[in-house]
C-alpha atoms as a PDB file:
ATOM      1  CA  MET A   1       0.000   0.000   0.000  1.00  0.00           C
ATOM      2  CA  LEU A   2       1.400   3.349  -1.127  1.00  0.00           C
ATOM      3  CA  LEU A   3      -0.045   6.498   0.423  1.00  0.00           C
ATOM      4  CA  ASP A   4      -0.106   9.907  -1.224  1.00  0.00           C
ATOM      5  CA  THR A   5       0.543  11.384   2.193  1.00  0.00           C
ATOM      6  CA  ALA A   6      -0.033  15.061   1.447  1.00  0.00           C
ATOM      7  CA  SER A   7      -3.298  14.272  -0.323  1.00  0.00           C
ATOM      8  CA  MET A   8      -4.434  12.547   2.852  1.00  0.00           C
ATOM      9  CA  TYR A   9      -3.348  15.085   5.443  1.00  0.00           C
ATOM     10  CA  PHE A  10      -4.777  17.977   3.408  1.00  0.00           C
ATOM     11  CA  ARG A  11      -8.066  16.065   3.317  1.00  0.00           C
ATOM     12  CA  ALA A  12      -7.889  15.422   7.065  1.00  0.00           C
ATOM     13  CA  PHE A  13      -7.240  19.102   7.763  1.00  0.00           C
ATOM     14  CA  PHE A  14      -9.989  20.533   5.574  1.00  0.00           C
ATOM     15  CA  GLY A  15     -12.495  17.754   6.265  1.00  0.00           C
ATOM     16  CA  SER A  16     -12.289  17.672  10.069  1.00  0.00           C
ATOM     17  CA  PRO A  17     -13.262  20.185  12.751  1.00  0.00           C
ATOM     18  CA  GLU A  18     -10.523  21.789  14.805  1.00  0.00           C
ATOM     19  CA  ILE A  19      -9.111  19.420  17.440  1.00  0.00           C
ATOM     20  CA  LEU A  20      -6.933  21.030  20.087  1.00  0.00           C
ATOM     21  CA  ALA A  21      -3.923  19.478  21.805  1.00  0.00           C
ATOM     22  CA  PRO A  22      -3.303  20.267  25.496  1.00  0.00           C
ATOM     23  CA  ASP A  23      -1.246  23.340  24.489  1.00  0.00           C
ATOM     24  CA  GLY A  24      -3.979  24.647  22.174  1.00  0.00           C
ATOM     25  CA  THR A  25      -2.378  23.546  18.872  1.00  0.00           C
ATOM     26  CA  ASN A  26      -4.843  22.285  16.287  1.00  0.00           C
ATOM     27  CA  VAL A  27      -4.019  18.623  15.571  1.00  0.00           C
ATOM     28  CA  ASN A  28      -6.964  17.630  13.373  1.00  0.00           C
ATOM     29  CA  ALA A  29      -4.692  16.625  10.457  1.00  0.00           C
ATOM     30  CA  VAL A  30      -2.493  14.506  12.760  1.00  0.00           C
ATOM     31  CA  ARG A  31      -5.489  12.740  14.300  1.00  0.00           C
ATOM     32  CA  GLY A  32      -7.072  12.338  10.881  1.00  0.00           C
ATOM     33  CA  MET A  33      -3.931  10.883   9.314  1.00  0.00           C
ATOM     34  CA  VAL A  34      -3.521   8.301  12.082  1.00  0.00           C
ATOM     35  CA  GLY A  35      -7.214   7.466  11.799  1.00  0.00           C
ATOM     36  CA  TYR A  36      -6.945   7.014   8.029  1.00  0.00           C
ATOM     37  CA  LEU A  37      -4.009   4.662   8.515  1.00  0.00           C
ATOM     38  CA  ALA A  38      -5.924   2.605  11.048  1.00  0.00           C
ATOM     39  CA  TYR A  39      -8.932   2.337   8.738  1.00  0.00           C
ATOM     40  CA  LEU A  40      -6.915   1.364   5.658  1.00  0.00           C
ATOM     41  CA  VAL A  41      -4.705  -1.161   7.436  1.00  0.00           C
ATOM     42  CA  GLU A  42      -7.735  -2.782   9.063  1.00  0.00           C
ATOM     43  CA  GLN A  43      -9.618  -2.931   5.752  1.00  0.00           C
ATOM     44  CA  TYR A  44      -6.802  -4.181   3.507  1.00  0.00           C
ATOM     45  CA  ARG A  45      -4.130  -5.705   5.778  1.00  0.00           C
ATOM     46  CA  PRO A  46      -1.131  -4.786   3.597  1.00  0.00           C
ATOM     47  CA  THR A  47       2.159  -6.544   4.287  1.00  0.00           C
ATOM     48  CA  HIS A  48       4.114  -3.452   3.206  1.00  0.00           C
ATOM     49  CA  LEU A  49       3.165   0.218   3.453  1.00  0.00           C
ATOM     50  CA  ALA A  50       4.923   3.467   2.535  1.00  0.00           C
ATOM     51  CA  CYS A  51       3.872   7.014   3.266  1.00  0.00           C
ATOM     52  CA  CYS A  52       5.169   8.676   0.114  1.00  0.00           C
ATOM     53  CA  TRP A  53       6.459  12.195   0.653  1.00  0.00           C
ATOM     54  CA  ASP A  54       6.894  15.337  -1.416  1.00  0.00           C
ATOM     55  CA  GLU A  55      10.580  16.130  -0.979  1.00  0.00           C
ATOM     56  CA  ASP A  56      10.093  18.629  -3.817  1.00  0.00           C
ATOM     57  CA  TRP A  57       6.464  19.513  -4.475  1.00  0.00           C
ATOM     58  CA  ARG A  58       7.346  21.569  -7.614  1.00  0.00           C
ATOM     59  CA  PRO A  59      10.479  20.057  -9.180  1.00  0.00           C
ATOM     60  CA  ALA A  60      12.628  22.428 -11.218  1.00  0.00           C
ATOM     61  CA  TRP A  61      12.806  19.990 -14.132  1.00  0.00           C
ATOM     62  CA  ARG A  62       9.019  20.144 -14.493  1.00  0.00           C
ATOM     63  CA  VAL A  63       8.914  23.922 -14.103  1.00  0.00           C
ATOM     64  CA  ASP A  64      11.675  24.351 -16.695  1.00  0.00           C
ATOM     65  CA  LEU A  65       9.472  22.494 -19.180  1.00  0.00           C
ATOM     66  CA  LEU A  66       6.208  24.179 -18.168  1.00  0.00           C
ATOM     67  CA  PRO A  67       6.572  27.355 -16.058  1.00  0.00           C
ATOM     68  CA  SER A  68       2.850  27.408 -15.209  1.00  0.00           C
ATOM     69  CA  TYR A  69       3.159  24.079 -13.368  1.00  0.00           C
ATOM     70  CA  LYS A  70       1.677  24.648  -9.879  1.00  0.00           C
ATOM     71  CA  ALA A  71       2.692  28.315 -10.158  1.00  0.00           C
ATOM     72  CA  HIS A  72      -0.570  29.500  -8.583  1.00  0.00           C
ATOM     73  CA  ARG A  73       0.261  27.608  -5.371  1.00  0.00           C
ATOM     74  CA  VAL A  74       3.585  29.349  -4.751  1.00  0.00           C
ATOM     75  CA  VAL A  75       3.865  31.753  -1.844  1.00  0.00           C
ATOM     76  CA  VAL A  76       5.213  35.104  -3.097  1.00  0.00           C
ATOM     77  CA  PRO A  77       8.522  33.938  -4.618  1.00  0.00           C
ATOM     78  CA  VAL A  78      11.879  35.127  -3.310  1.00  0.00           C
ATOM     79  CA  ALA A  79      14.727  35.405  -5.809  1.00  0.00           C
ATOM     80  CA  GLY A  80      17.200  32.569  -5.383  1.00  0.00           C
ATOM     81  CA  ALA A  81      15.075  30.745  -2.793  1.00  0.00           C
ATOM     82  CA  PRO A  82      13.201  27.471  -3.381  1.00  0.00           C
ATOM     83  CA  ASP A  83       9.490  27.731  -4.110  1.00  0.00           C
ATOM     84  CA  ILE A  84       7.320  27.389  -1.016  1.00  0.00           C
ATOM     85  CA  GLU A  85       3.826  25.952  -1.318  1.00  0.00           C
ATOM     86  CA  GLU A  86       1.004  27.992   0.162  1.00  0.00           C
ATOM     87  CA  VAL A  87      -0.239  25.936   3.107  1.00  0.00           C
ATOM     88  CA  PRO A  88      -2.583  27.169   5.874  1.00  0.00           C
ATOM     89  CA  ASP A  89      -0.564  27.925   9.010  1.00  0.00           C
ATOM     90  CA  PRO A  90      -2.587  25.538  11.236  1.00  0.00           C
ATOM     91  CA  LEU A  91      -1.761  22.702   8.819  1.00  0.00           C
ATOM     92  CA  GLU A  92       1.871  23.658   8.277  1.00  0.00           C
ATOM     93  CA  VAL A  93       2.677  23.200  11.973  1.00  0.00           C
ATOM     94  CA  GLN A  94       1.097  19.722  11.915  1.00  0.00           C
ATOM     95  CA  VAL A  95       3.132  18.278   9.044  1.00  0.00           C
ATOM     96  CA  PRO A  96       6.325  17.737  11.126  1.00  0.00           C
ATOM     97  CA  ILE A  97       4.205  16.174  13.883  1.00  0.00           C
ATOM     98  CA  ILE A  98       2.688  13.736  11.386  1.00  0.00           C
ATOM     99  CA  ARG A  99       6.154  12.730  10.267  1.00  0.00           C
ATOM    100  CA  GLU A 100       7.359  12.246  13.851  1.00  0.00           C
ATOM    101  CA  VAL A 101       4.374  10.043  14.664  1.00  0.00           C
ATOM    102  CA  LEU A 102       4.893   7.919  11.550  1.00  0.00           C
ATOM    103  CA  GLU A 103       8.565   7.470  12.362  1.00  0.00           C
ATOM    104  CA  ALA A 104       7.809   6.542  15.989  1.00  0.00           C
ATOM    105  CA  PHE A 105       5.432   3.858  14.704  1.00  0.00           C
ATOM    106  CA  GLY A 106       8.141   2.644  12.324  1.00  0.00           C
ATOM    107  CA  ILE A 107       5.955   3.237   9.270  1.00  0.00           C
ATOM    108  CA  ALA A 108       8.148   3.906   6.242  1.00  0.00           C
ATOM    109  CA  VAL A 109       8.257   7.505   5.019  1.00  0.00           C
ATOM    110  CA  VAL A 110       9.746   7.584   1.526  1.00  0.00           C
ATOM    111  CA  GLY A 111      10.732  10.620  -0.535  1.00  0.00           C
ATOM    112  CA  ALA A 112      13.376  11.499  -3.082  1.00  0.00           C
ATOM    113  CA  ALA A 113      15.242  14.756  -3.661  1.00  0.00           C
ATOM    114  CA  GLY A 114      13.939  16.537  -6.755  1.00  0.00           C
ATOM    115  CA  TYR A 115      10.759  14.475  -6.960  1.00  0.00           C
ATOM    116  CA  GLU A 116       7.154  14.584  -5.849  1.00  0.00           C
ATOM    117  CA  ALA A 117       5.299  11.909  -3.924  1.00  0.00           C
ATOM    118  CA  ASP A 118       3.592  10.929  -7.201  1.00  0.00           C
ATOM    119  CA  ASP A 119       6.992   9.994  -8.613  1.00  0.00           C
ATOM    120  CA  VAL A 120       7.841   7.942  -5.535  1.00  0.00           C
ATOM    121  CA  ILE A 121       4.507   6.141  -5.884  1.00  0.00           C
ATOM    122  CA  GLY A 122       5.065   5.560  -9.598  1.00  0.00           C
ATOM    123  CA  THR A 123       8.476   4.045  -8.948  1.00  0.00           C
ATOM    124  CA  LEU A 124       7.410   1.808  -6.069  1.00  0.00           C
ATOM    125  CA  ALA A 125       4.291   0.652  -7.925  1.00  0.00           C
ATOM    126  CA  THR A 126       6.338  -0.342 -10.977  1.00  0.00           C
ATOM    127  CA  GLY A 127       7.851  -3.801 -10.777  1.00  0.00           C
ATOM    128  CA  ALA A 128       6.728  -4.290  -7.184  1.00  0.00           C
ATOM    129  CA  GLY A 129       6.317  -8.024  -7.686  1.00  0.00           C
ATOM    130  CA  GLN A 130       3.111  -8.055  -5.630  1.00  0.00           C
ATOM    131  CA  PRO A 131      -0.312  -6.372  -5.788  1.00  0.00           C
ATOM    132  CA  VAL A 132      -0.225  -2.639  -5.044  1.00  0.00           C
ATOM    133  CA  ASP A 133      -2.933  -0.330  -3.725  1.00  0.00           C
ATOM    134  CA  VAL A 134      -2.269   3.399  -4.179  1.00  0.00           C
ATOM    135  CA  VAL A 135      -4.274   5.664  -1.871  1.00  0.00           C
ATOM    136  CA  THR A 136      -4.750   9.151  -3.334  1.00  0.00           C
ATOM    137  CA  GLY A 137      -7.180  11.921  -4.172  1.00  0.00           C
ATOM    138  CA  ASP A 138      -5.111  12.821  -7.256  1.00  0.00           C
ATOM    139  CA  ARG A 139      -6.595  11.630 -10.556  1.00  0.00           C
ATOM    140  CA  ASP A 140      -3.211  11.945 -12.279  1.00  0.00           C
ATOM    141  CA  LEU A 141      -2.195   8.671 -10.658  1.00  0.00           C
ATOM    142  CA  PHE A 142      -4.869   6.807 -12.636  1.00  0.00           C
ATOM    143  CA  GLN A 143      -2.089   6.415 -15.220  1.00  0.00           C
ATOM    144  CA  LEU A 144      -0.580   3.742 -12.942  1.00  0.00           C
ATOM    145  CA  VAL A 145      -3.592   1.436 -12.977  1.00  0.00           C
ATOM    146  CA  ASP A 146      -2.598  -1.944 -14.370  1.00  0.00           C
ATOM    147  CA  ASP A 147      -4.812  -4.970 -13.862  1.00  0.00           C
ATOM    148  CA  ASP A 148      -2.142  -7.421 -15.065  1.00  0.00           C
ATOM    149  CA  ALA A 149       0.407  -6.074 -12.574  1.00  0.00           C
ATOM    150  CA  GLY A 150      -2.197  -5.849  -9.784  1.00  0.00           C
ATOM    151  CA  VAL A 151      -1.926  -2.054  -9.434  1.00  0.00           C
ATOM    152  CA  ARG A 152      -5.124  -0.256  -8.524  1.00  0.00           C
ATOM    153  CA  ILE A 153      -6.021   3.113  -7.030  1.00  0.00           C
ATOM    154  CA  LEU A 154      -8.039   3.558  -3.859  1.00  0.00           C
ATOM    155  CA  TYR A 155      -9.439   6.945  -4.859  1.00  0.00           C
ATOM    156  CA  ILE A 156     -10.407   9.116  -1.884  1.00  0.00           C
ATOM    157  CA  GLY A 157     -12.021  11.939  -3.853  1.00  0.00           C
ATOM    158  CA  LYS A 158     -15.266  11.397  -1.929  1.00  0.00           C
ATOM    159  CA  GLY A 159     -13.512  10.647   1.345  1.00  0.00           C
ATOM    160  CA  VAL A 160     -11.319   7.890   2.737  1.00  0.00           C
ATOM    161  CA  GLY A 161     -14.300   6.007   4.107  1.00  0.00           C
ATOM    162  CA  LYS A 162     -16.092   6.279   0.762  1.00  0.00           C
ATOM    163  CA  HIS A 163     -13.103   5.505  -1.444  1.00  0.00           C
ATOM    164  CA  GLU A 164     -13.501   3.893  -4.843  1.00  0.00           C
ATOM    165  CA  GLN A 165     -11.397   1.012  -6.154  1.00  0.00           C
ATOM    166  CA  VAL A 166     -10.100   2.172  -9.531  1.00  0.00           C
ATOM    167  CA  THR A 167      -9.289  -0.573 -12.041  1.00  0.00           C
ATOM    168  CA  GLU A 168      -8.779  -0.472 -15.817  1.00  0.00           C
ATOM    169  CA  SER A 169     -12.481  -1.014 -16.485  1.00  0.00           C
ATOM    170  CA  TRP A 170     -13.352   1.768 -14.024  1.00  0.00           C
ATOM    171  CA  VAL A 171     -11.133   4.241 -15.924  1.00  0.00           C
ATOM    172  CA  GLU A 172     -12.548   3.160 -19.281  1.00  0.00           C
ATOM    173  CA  GLN A 173     -16.150   3.486 -18.122  1.00  0.00           C
ATOM    174  CA  LYS A 174     -15.540   6.849 -16.438  1.00  0.00           C
ATOM    175  CA  TYR A 175     -13.430   8.584 -19.104  1.00  0.00           C
ATOM    176  CA  GLY A 176     -13.647   6.539 -22.295  1.00  0.00           C
ATOM    177  CA  VAL A 177      -9.875   5.962 -22.415  1.00  0.00           C
ATOM    178  CA  SER A 178      -7.596   3.174 -21.231  1.00  0.00           C
ATOM    179  CA  ALA A 179      -5.508   3.604 -18.103  1.00  0.00           C
ATOM    180  CA  ARG A 180      -2.401   3.656 -20.320  1.00  0.00           C
ATOM    181  CA  GLN A 181      -3.898   6.615 -22.182  1.00  0.00           C
ATOM    182  CA  TYR A 182      -4.861   8.494 -19.040  1.00  0.00           C
ATOM    183  CA  ALA A 183      -1.714  10.669 -18.850  1.00  0.00           C
ATOM    184  CA  ASP A 184      -2.245  11.823 -22.443  1.00  0.00           C
ATOM    185  CA  PHE A 185      -5.930  12.362 -21.682  1.00  0.00           C
ATOM    186  CA  ALA A 186      -5.017  14.563 -18.691  1.00  0.00           C
ATOM    187  CA  THR A 187      -2.488  16.474 -20.811  1.00  0.00           C
ATOM    188  CA  LEU A 188      -5.081  17.259 -23.475  1.00  0.00           C
ATOM    189  CA  ARG A 189      -7.827  18.126 -21.005  1.00  0.00           C
ATOM    190  CA  GLY A 190      -5.611  20.128 -18.682  1.00  0.00           C
ATOM    191  CA  ASP A 191      -5.857  20.517 -14.922  1.00  0.00           C
ATOM    192  CA  ALA A 192      -6.199  23.966 -13.379  1.00  0.00           C
ATOM    193  CA  SER A 193      -5.223  22.634  -9.936  1.00  0.00           C
ATOM    194  CA  ASP A 194      -1.765  21.749 -11.303  1.00  0.00           C
ATOM    195  CA  GLY A 195      -1.395  24.739 -13.639  1.00  0.00           C
ATOM    196  CA  LEU A 196      -1.792  22.572 -16.755  1.00  0.00           C
ATOM    197  CA  PRO A 197      -3.625  24.677 -19.358  1.00  0.00           C
ATOM    198  CA  GLY A 198      -4.492  21.766 -21.627  1.00  0.00           C
ATOM    199  CA  VAL A 199      -5.335  22.276 -25.293  1.00  0.00           C
ATOM    200  CA  LYS A 200      -7.674  25.235 -25.617  1.00  0.00           C
ATOM    201  CA  GLY A 201     -11.122  24.092 -26.659  1.00  0.00           C
ATOM    202  CA  VAL A 202     -10.453  20.402 -25.971  1.00  0.00           C
ATOM    203  CA  GLY A 203     -12.475  18.988 -23.091  1.00  0.00           C
ATOM    204  CA  GLU A 204     -12.834  15.457 -21.802  1.00  0.00           C
ATOM    205  CA  LYS A 205     -15.107  14.187 -24.575  1.00  0.00           C
ATOM    206  CA  THR A 206     -12.962  15.558 -27.392  1.00  0.00           C
ATOM    207  CA  ALA A 207      -9.770  14.310 -25.718  1.00  0.00           C
ATOM    208  CA  ALA A 208     -11.232  10.816 -25.382  1.00  0.00           C
ATOM    209  CA  THR A 209     -12.412  10.821 -29.010  1.00  0.00           C
ATOM    210  CA  LEU A 210      -9.015  11.918 -30.292  1.00  0.00           C
ATOM    211  CA  LEU A 211      -7.233   9.234 -28.286  1.00  0.00           C
ATOM    212  CA  GLU A 212      -9.665   6.577 -29.430  1.00  0.00           C
ATOM    213  CA  ARG A 213      -8.976   7.494 -33.065  1.00  0.00           C
ATOM    214  CA  PHE A 214      -5.244   8.205 -32.986  1.00  0.00           C
ATOM    215  CA  GLY A 215      -3.957   6.264 -29.974  1.00  0.00           C
ATOM    216  CA  ASP A 216      -1.786   8.795 -28.192  1.00  0.00           C
ATOM    217  CA  ILE A 217      -0.556  12.396 -28.331  1.00  0.00           C
ATOM    218  CA  ASP A 218       2.154  11.559 -30.857  1.00  0.00           C
ATOM    219  CA  GLY A 219      -0.512  10.070 -33.123  1.00  0.00           C
ATOM    220  CA  ILE A 220      -2.782  13.087 -32.681  1.00  0.00           C
ATOM    221  CA  VAL A 221       0.030  15.561 -33.415  1.00  0.00           C
ATOM    222  CA  ALA A 222       1.041  13.542 -36.495  1.00  0.00           C
ATOM    223  CA  ALA A 223      -2.559  13.549 -37.751  1.00  0.00           C
ATOM    224  CA  ALA A 224      -2.780  17.322 -37.273  1.00  0.00           C
ATOM    225  CA  ALA A 225       0.397  17.762 -39.330  1.00  0.00           C
ATOM    226  CA  ASP A 226      -0.767  15.398 -42.088  1.00  0.00           C
ATOM    227  CA  PRO A 227      -2.970  17.208 -44.622  1.00  0.00           C
ATOM    228  CA  ASP A 228      -4.327  13.856 -45.811  1.00  0.00           C
ATOM    229  CA  SER A 229      -5.540  12.698 -42.392  1.00  0.00           C
ATOM    230  CA  ASP A 230      -9.261  12.747 -41.634  1.00  0.00           C
ATOM    231  CA  LEU A 231      -8.847  15.028 -38.600  1.00  0.00           C
ATOM    232  CA  ALA A 232     -11.497  17.746 -38.806  1.00  0.00           C
ATOM    233  CA  PRO A 233     -10.367  21.365 -39.327  1.00  0.00           C
ATOM    234  CA  GLY A 234     -11.435  22.525 -35.849  1.00  0.00           C
ATOM    235  CA  PRO A 235      -9.504  19.992 -33.761  1.00  0.00           C
ATOM    236  CA  ARG A 236      -6.613  20.135 -36.251  1.00  0.00           C
ATOM    237  CA  LEU A 237      -6.180  23.873 -35.659  1.00  0.00           C
ATOM    238  CA  LYS A 238      -6.453  23.477 -31.881  1.00  0.00           C
ATOM    239  CA  ILE A 239      -3.756  20.791 -31.821  1.00  0.00           C
ATOM    240  CA  LYS A 240      -1.460  22.854 -34.061  1.00  0.00           C
ATOM    241  CA  ASP A 241      -1.961  25.962 -31.904  1.00  0.00           C
ATOM    242  CA  ALA A 242      -0.969  23.931 -28.831  1.00  0.00           C
ATOM    243  CA  ALA A 243       2.169  22.452 -30.418  1.00  0.00           C
ATOM    244  CA  ASP A 244       4.601  24.029 -27.943  1.00  0.00           C
ATOM    245  CA  TYR A 245       2.539  22.856 -24.966  1.00  0.00           C
ATOM    246  CA  LEU A 246       2.136  19.334 -26.351  1.00  0.00           C
ATOM    247  CA  ALA A 247       5.894  19.070 -26.911  1.00  0.00           C
ATOM    248  CA  VAL A 248       6.623  19.336 -23.180  1.00  0.00           C
ATOM    249  CA  ALA A 249       3.469  18.626 -21.173  1.00  0.00           C
ATOM    250  CA  PRO A 250       3.494  14.811 -21.532  1.00  0.00           C
ATOM    251  CA  THR A 251       6.866  14.693 -19.751  1.00  0.00           C
ATOM    252  CA  VAL A 252       5.491  16.923 -16.978  1.00  0.00           C
ATOM    253  CA  VAL A 253       2.353  14.826 -16.499  1.00  0.00           C
ATOM    254  CA  ALA A 254       3.995  11.386 -16.616  1.00  0.00           C
ATOM    255  CA  VAL A 255       5.112  10.182 -13.184  1.00  0.00           C
ATOM    256  CA  ALA A 256       8.677   8.955 -12.781  1.00  0.00           C
ATOM    257  CA  ARG A 257       9.087   5.201 -12.489  1.00  0.00           C
ATOM    258  CA  ASP A 258      12.837   4.747 -12.138  1.00  0.00           C
ATOM    259  CA  ILE A 259      14.017   6.520  -8.964  1.00  0.00           C
ATOM    260  CA  ASP A 260      16.483   4.661  -6.758  1.00  0.00           C
ATOM    261  CA  LEU A 261      14.333   3.921  -3.685  1.00  0.00           C
ATOM    262  CA  PRO A 262      14.248   1.428  -0.806  1.00  0.00           C
ATOM    263  CA  ARG A 263      12.023  -1.600  -1.329  1.00  0.00           C
ATOM    264  CA  GLY A 264      11.304  -4.937   0.285  1.00  0.00           C
ATOM    265  CA  ASP A 265      11.818  -5.203   4.028  1.00  0.00           C
ATOM    266  CA  ALA A 266      12.391  -1.447   4.340  1.00  0.00           C
ATOM    267  CA  LEU A 267       8.673  -0.985   3.639  1.00  0.00           C
ATOM    268  CA  ALA A 268       7.376  -3.831   5.821  1.00  0.00           C
ATOM    269  CA  LEU A 269       4.433  -2.784   7.963  1.00  0.00           C
ATOM    270  CA  PRO A 270       5.421  -3.048  11.644  1.00  0.00           C
ATOM    271  CA  ALA A 271       3.431  -5.150  14.085  1.00  0.00           C
ATOM    272  CA  ALA A 272       4.342  -2.815  16.964  1.00  0.00           C
ATOM    273  CA  PRO A 273       5.687   0.739  17.330  1.00  0.00           C
ATOM    274  CA  ALA A 274       9.388   0.994  16.539  1.00  0.00           C
ATOM    275  CA  ASP A 275       9.980   3.559  19.292  1.00  0.00           C
ATOM    276  CA  PRO A 276       7.248   3.197  21.934  1.00  0.00           C
ATOM    277  CA  ASP A 277       8.863   5.749  24.258  1.00  0.00           C
ATOM    278  CA  ALA A 278       8.925   8.444  21.581  1.00  0.00           C
ATOM    279  CA  LEU A 279       5.380   7.549  20.573  1.00  0.00           C
ATOM    280  CA  ALA A 280       4.222   7.838  24.192  1.00  0.00           C
ATOM    281  CA  VAL A 281       5.740  11.326  24.463  1.00  0.00           C
ATOM    282  CA  LEU A 282       4.092  12.433  21.207  1.00  0.00           C
ATOM    283  CA  THR A 283       0.778  10.909  22.253  1.00  0.00           C
ATOM    284  CA  GLU A 284       0.702  12.798  25.547  1.00  0.00           C
ATOM    285  CA  ARG A 285       1.974  16.094  24.126  1.00  0.00           C
ATOM    286  CA  TRP A 286      -0.518  16.221  21.270  1.00  0.00           C
ATOM    287  CA  GLY A 287      -3.486  14.459  22.851  1.00  0.00           C
ATOM    288  CA  LEU A 288      -3.504  11.488  20.473  1.00  0.00           C
ATOM    289  CA  THR A 289      -4.357   8.680  22.899  1.00  0.00           C
ATOM    290  CA  THR A 290      -7.479   7.328  21.188  1.00  0.00           C
ATOM    291  CA  SER A 291      -6.151   7.348  17.619  1.00  0.00           C
ATOM    292  CA  VAL A 292      -2.701   6.016  18.548  1.00  0.00           C
ATOM    293  CA  GLU A 293      -4.142   3.199  20.669  1.00  0.00           C
ATOM    294  CA  ARG A 294      -6.466   2.196  17.818  1.00  0.00           C
ATOM    295  CA  LEU A 295      -3.675   2.052  15.223  1.00  0.00           C
ATOM    296  CA  THR A 296      -1.386   0.223  17.641  1.00  0.00           C
ATOM    297  CA  GLY A 297      -4.051  -2.399  18.244  1.00  0.00           C
ATOM    298  CA  ILE A 298      -4.780  -2.853  14.543  1.00  0.00           C
ATOM    299  CA  LEU A 299      -1.087  -3.295  13.732  1.00  0.00           C
ATOM    300  CA  ALA A 300      -0.777  -5.903  16.479  1.00  0.00           C
ATOM    301  CA  GLY A 301      -3.937  -7.679  15.325  1.00  0.00           C
END
């Protein structure tokens, strides 16, 4: 089981009422994250689990290709300084606490310099040698779905407790494209939340139709350039006008699958907290008794 950790703690923060620790700090995202873990482990009993981390939420190599990538999420930029994502202050203070709690439990936290959590997930899901469940609220990761390899998405768009199991047939029925075409579909359609403009005038239906007819973006671009192809004048002009975008966006949208990352035993789900003393201190300081005891019991069970 691979968790898109930020997707989950953002959801916990915005979807839960304020919960105050003894010192008055809001810990709703911490409590929510531990609760989500307990629910998912109890439901699916994974042998291995990794909380995948954004070591770089806006990698320079993606921004160099497409400057608009996540640009709207950047706190007022400072020359020469790394981009900082705009995060509500009450959530920002909870992120280090979440990481400390995970580490005290001994639950693997995996990130990679210069990469997003999506890239970590893509790498660990590829060639895992066992079935993989990816927990995320990010549709971009639908590109990883692979029935033959046993990779599916537990999509939490409607909530963790109401998650949907995304398989190849689910993607096809929902969007009219195969899972292997999903990255190209997302590139054509665009995604305002990630600063991806898409091809102007091409929505989901047109994107799906173009992919059904021409296979992938390379095939669509080739058809637009071929005066003898049966691509209609309207879509042909739209694809030609978006040539610069289409030359770089597929690389931005595709998740990495070849990062050097720990695997195997390093990701084994613990049966008991790795550092019970540290966990006890964190539990008392942040008022996490109920959620920590529940997760501890489920891991032991």
